[in-house]
Amino acid sequence: MNLRTSDVVPISDARARLTELAEDVVGNGTEKVLTKNGASYVALIDARKLDHYHALEDEFAGLVMLEAAERGLRDGLAGKVGTTEDLKRMLAPVSLEASMPDTPDRSAVAKARAARR
């Protein structure tokens, strides 16, 4: 959708014209971009369009998951599999101590954890 200059509105102006802008959005199917300090900030769109956008997002997410499942099945049929131990290593969380540099804070975290055990 192409925006006209009248569809870009400073947020300070939008406060005073919200009803007018909303009626234009719903009545004429336009969308408004509200700016703050000259940069895009938020958009004003018809709620039905927003519902439609969310439905499209959900459909896309489903297609992405389906594609991943297909890829996994193809890998399995091709013998590209790992062991349970491989999976556990891939899913193992990184410990807090391992992710911190050697500092006094690191030893303090380790001591606090040991004290709780």
C-alpha atoms as a PDB file:
ATOM      1  CA  MET A   1       0.000   0.000   0.000  1.00  0.00           C
ATOM      2  CA  ASN A   2       1.313   3.429  -0.894  1.00  0.00           C
ATOM      3  CA  LEU A   3       1.145   6.066   1.799  1.00  0.00           C
ATOM      4  CA  ARG A   4       0.244   9.605   0.915  1.00  0.00           C
ATOM      5  CA  THR A   5       1.756  12.503   2.797  1.00  0.00           C
ATOM      6  CA  SER A   6      -1.625  12.993   4.477  1.00  0.00           C
ATOM      7  CA  ASP A   7      -1.290   9.470   5.922  1.00  0.00           C
ATOM      8  CA  VAL A   8       1.857  10.404   7.867  1.00  0.00           C
ATOM      9  CA  VAL A   9       0.845  12.337  10.966  1.00  0.00           C
ATOM     10  CA  PRO A  10       2.929  13.622  13.871  1.00  0.00           C
ATOM     11  CA  ILE A  11       1.735  11.983  17.067  1.00  0.00           C
ATOM     12  CA  SER A  12       1.233  15.406  18.633  1.00  0.00           C
ATOM     13  CA  ASP A  13      -1.309  16.228  15.877  1.00  0.00           C
ATOM     14  CA  ALA A  14      -2.905  12.787  16.136  1.00  0.00           C
ATOM     15  CA  ARG A  15      -3.871  13.379  19.761  1.00  0.00           C
ATOM     16  CA  ALA A  16      -6.197  16.182  18.744  1.00  0.00           C
ATOM     17  CA  ARG A  17      -7.462  14.441  15.579  1.00  0.00           C
ATOM     18  CA  LEU A  18      -7.791  10.813  16.707  1.00  0.00           C
ATOM     19  CA  THR A  19     -11.496  10.444  15.921  1.00  0.00           C
ATOM     20  CA  GLU A  20     -11.057  12.013  12.481  1.00  0.00           C
ATOM     21  CA  LEU A  21      -8.060   9.802  11.704  1.00  0.00           C
ATOM     22  CA  ALA A  22      -9.829   6.654  12.914  1.00  0.00           C
ATOM     23  CA  GLU A  23     -12.877   7.416  10.768  1.00  0.00           C
ATOM     24  CA  ASP A  24     -10.628   7.890   7.725  1.00  0.00           C
ATOM     25  CA  VAL A  25      -8.887   4.586   8.427  1.00  0.00           C
ATOM     26  CA  VAL A  26     -12.136   2.631   8.814  1.00  0.00           C
ATOM     27  CA  GLY A  27     -14.197   4.513   6.229  1.00  0.00           C
ATOM     28  CA  ASN A  28     -11.634   4.804   3.433  1.00  0.00           C
ATOM     29  CA  GLY A  29      -9.394   1.832   4.156  1.00  0.00           C
ATOM     30  CA  THR A  30      -6.341   4.016   4.604  1.00  0.00           C
ATOM     31  CA  GLU A  31      -3.588   3.457   7.113  1.00  0.00           C
ATOM     32  CA  LYS A  32      -1.885   6.180   9.116  1.00  0.00           C
ATOM     33  CA  VAL A  33       1.702   6.261  10.286  1.00  0.00           C
ATOM     34  CA  LEU A  34       2.148   8.321  13.415  1.00  0.00           C
ATOM     35  CA  THR A  35       5.577   9.845  13.844  1.00  0.00           C
ATOM     36  CA  LYS A  36       7.487  10.892  16.927  1.00  0.00           C
ATOM     37  CA  ASN A  37      10.388  13.308  16.513  1.00  0.00           C
ATOM     38  CA  GLY A  38      10.087  12.853  12.743  1.00  0.00           C
ATOM     39  CA  ALA A  39      10.485   9.059  12.757  1.00  0.00           C
ATOM     40  CA  SER A  40       7.827   6.358  12.310  1.00  0.00           C
ATOM     41  CA  TYR A  41       6.483   5.390  15.715  1.00  0.00           C
ATOM     42  CA  VAL A  42       3.142   3.535  15.473  1.00  0.00           C
ATOM     43  CA  ALA A  43       0.495   2.798  12.864  1.00  0.00           C
ATOM     44  CA  LEU A  44      -3.241   3.286  12.912  1.00  0.00           C
ATOM     45  CA  ILE A  45      -4.981   0.553  10.909  1.00  0.00           C
ATOM     46  CA  ASP A  46      -8.459  -0.936  10.692  1.00  0.00           C
ATOM     47  CA  ALA A  47      -8.938  -3.664  13.318  1.00  0.00           C
ATOM     48  CA  ARG A  48     -10.187  -6.061  10.619  1.00  0.00           C
ATOM     49  CA  LYS A  49      -6.903  -5.624   8.728  1.00  0.00           C
ATOM     50  CA  LEU A  50      -4.976  -6.264  11.935  1.00  0.00           C
ATOM     51  CA  ASP A  51      -6.950  -9.495  12.457  1.00  0.00           C
ATOM     52  CA  HIS A  52      -6.134 -10.462   8.872  1.00  0.00           C
ATOM     53  CA  TYR A  53      -2.411  -9.724   9.388  1.00  0.00           C
ATOM     54  CA  HIS A  54      -2.398 -11.884  12.523  1.00  0.00           C
ATOM     55  CA  ALA A  55      -4.107 -14.727  10.642  1.00  0.00           C
ATOM     56  CA  LEU A  56      -1.450 -14.480   7.928  1.00  0.00           C
ATOM     57  CA  GLU A  57       1.308 -14.596  10.562  1.00  0.00           C
ATOM     58  CA  ASP A  58      -0.255 -17.708  12.125  1.00  0.00           C
ATOM     59  CA  GLU A  59      -0.544 -19.388   8.724  1.00  0.00           C
ATOM     60  CA  PHE A  60       3.073 -18.566   7.911  1.00  0.00           C
ATOM     61  CA  ALA A  61       4.247 -19.947  11.271  1.00  0.00           C
ATOM     62  CA  GLY A  62       2.366 -23.174  10.550  1.00  0.00           C
ATOM     63  CA  LEU A  63       4.022 -23.456   7.143  1.00  0.00           C
ATOM     64  CA  VAL A  64       7.460 -22.913   8.663  1.00  0.00           C
ATOM     65  CA  MET A  65       6.840 -25.664  11.228  1.00  0.00           C
ATOM     66  CA  LEU A  66       5.539 -28.001   8.521  1.00  0.00           C
ATOM     67  CA  GLU A  67       8.649 -27.377   6.441  1.00  0.00           C
ATOM     68  CA  ALA A  68      10.868 -28.146   9.447  1.00  0.00           C
ATOM     69  CA  ALA A  69       8.939 -31.370  10.124  1.00  0.00           C
ATOM     70  CA  GLU A  70       9.311 -32.426   6.477  1.00  0.00           C
ATOM     71  CA  ARG A  71      13.047 -31.704   6.602  1.00  0.00           C
ATOM     72  CA  GLY A  72      13.329 -33.792   9.783  1.00  0.00           C
ATOM     73  CA  LEU A  73      11.459 -36.698   8.233  1.00  0.00           C
ATOM     74  CA  ARG A  74      13.625 -36.558   5.107  1.00  0.00           C
ATOM     75  CA  ASP A  75      16.766 -36.525   7.271  1.00  0.00           C
ATOM     76  CA  GLY A  76      15.489 -39.488   9.261  1.00  0.00           C
ATOM     77  CA  LEU A  77      14.667 -41.493   6.130  1.00  0.00           C
ATOM     78  CA  ALA A  78      18.119 -40.666   4.744  1.00  0.00           C
ATOM     79  CA  GLY A  79      19.759 -41.988   7.920  1.00  0.00           C
ATOM     80  CA  LYS A  80      20.900 -38.559   9.084  1.00  0.00           C
ATOM     81  CA  VAL A  81      20.151 -39.199  12.747  1.00  0.00           C
ATOM     82  CA  GLY A  82      21.906 -38.629  16.050  1.00  0.00           C
ATOM     83  CA  THR A  83      21.843 -40.376  19.383  1.00  0.00           C
ATOM     84  CA  THR A  84      19.849 -39.418  22.442  1.00  0.00           C
ATOM     85  CA  GLU A  85      23.097 -38.215  23.987  1.00  0.00           C
ATOM     86  CA  ASP A  86      23.702 -35.927  20.989  1.00  0.00           C
ATOM     87  CA  LEU A  87      20.256 -34.418  21.521  1.00  0.00           C
ATOM     88  CA  LYS A  88      20.825 -33.962  25.255  1.00  0.00           C
ATOM     89  CA  ARG A  89      24.117 -32.156  24.578  1.00  0.00           C
ATOM     90  CA  MET A  90      22.438 -29.856  22.048  1.00  0.00           C
ATOM     91  CA  LEU A  91      19.599 -29.021  24.434  1.00  0.00           C
ATOM     92  CA  ALA A  92      21.696 -28.694  27.606  1.00  0.00           C
ATOM     93  CA  PRO A  93      21.493 -25.186  29.063  1.00  0.00           C
ATOM     94  CA  VAL A  94      24.680 -23.185  29.337  1.00  0.00           C
ATOM     95  CA  SER A  95      25.608 -22.781  32.966  1.00  0.00           C
ATOM     96  CA  LEU A  96      25.788 -19.273  34.370  1.00  0.00           C
ATOM     97  CA  GLU A  97      29.326 -19.840  35.620  1.00  0.00           C
ATOM     98  CA  ALA A  98      30.536 -20.984  32.198  1.00  0.00           C
ATOM     99  CA  SER A  99      29.129 -17.891  30.523  1.00  0.00           C
ATOM    100  CA  MET A 100      30.782 -15.440  32.939  1.00  0.00           C
ATOM    101  CA  PRO A 101      34.410 -14.345  32.661  1.00  0.00           C
ATOM    102  CA  ASP A 102      36.818 -15.207  35.474  1.00  0.00           C
ATOM    103  CA  THR A 103      36.021 -12.449  37.932  1.00  0.00           C
ATOM    104  CA  PRO A 104      35.288 -12.288  41.632  1.00  0.00           C
ATOM    105  CA  ASP A 105      31.580 -12.182  40.644  1.00  0.00           C
ATOM    106  CA  ARG A 106      31.867 -15.608  39.044  1.00  0.00           C
ATOM    107  CA  SER A 107      33.165 -17.228  42.218  1.00  0.00           C
ATOM    108  CA  ALA A 108      30.473 -15.458  44.234  1.00  0.00           C
ATOM    109  CA  VAL A 109      27.787 -17.026  42.011  1.00  0.00           C
ATOM    110  CA  ALA A 110      29.345 -20.480  42.407  1.00  0.00           C
ATOM    111  CA  LYS A 111      29.540 -20.077  46.219  1.00  0.00           C
ATOM    112  CA  ALA A 112      25.930 -18.899  46.406  1.00  0.00           C
ATOM    113  CA  ARG A 113      24.773 -21.914  44.404  1.00  0.00           C
ATOM    114  CA  ALA A 114      26.809 -24.307  46.526  1.00  0.00           C
ATOM    115  CA  ALA A 115      25.325 -22.795  49.707  1.00  0.00           C
ATOM    116  CA  ARG A 116      21.793 -23.465  48.427  1.00  0.00           C
ATOM    117  CA  ARG A 117      22.526 -27.158  47.829  1.00  0.00           C
END
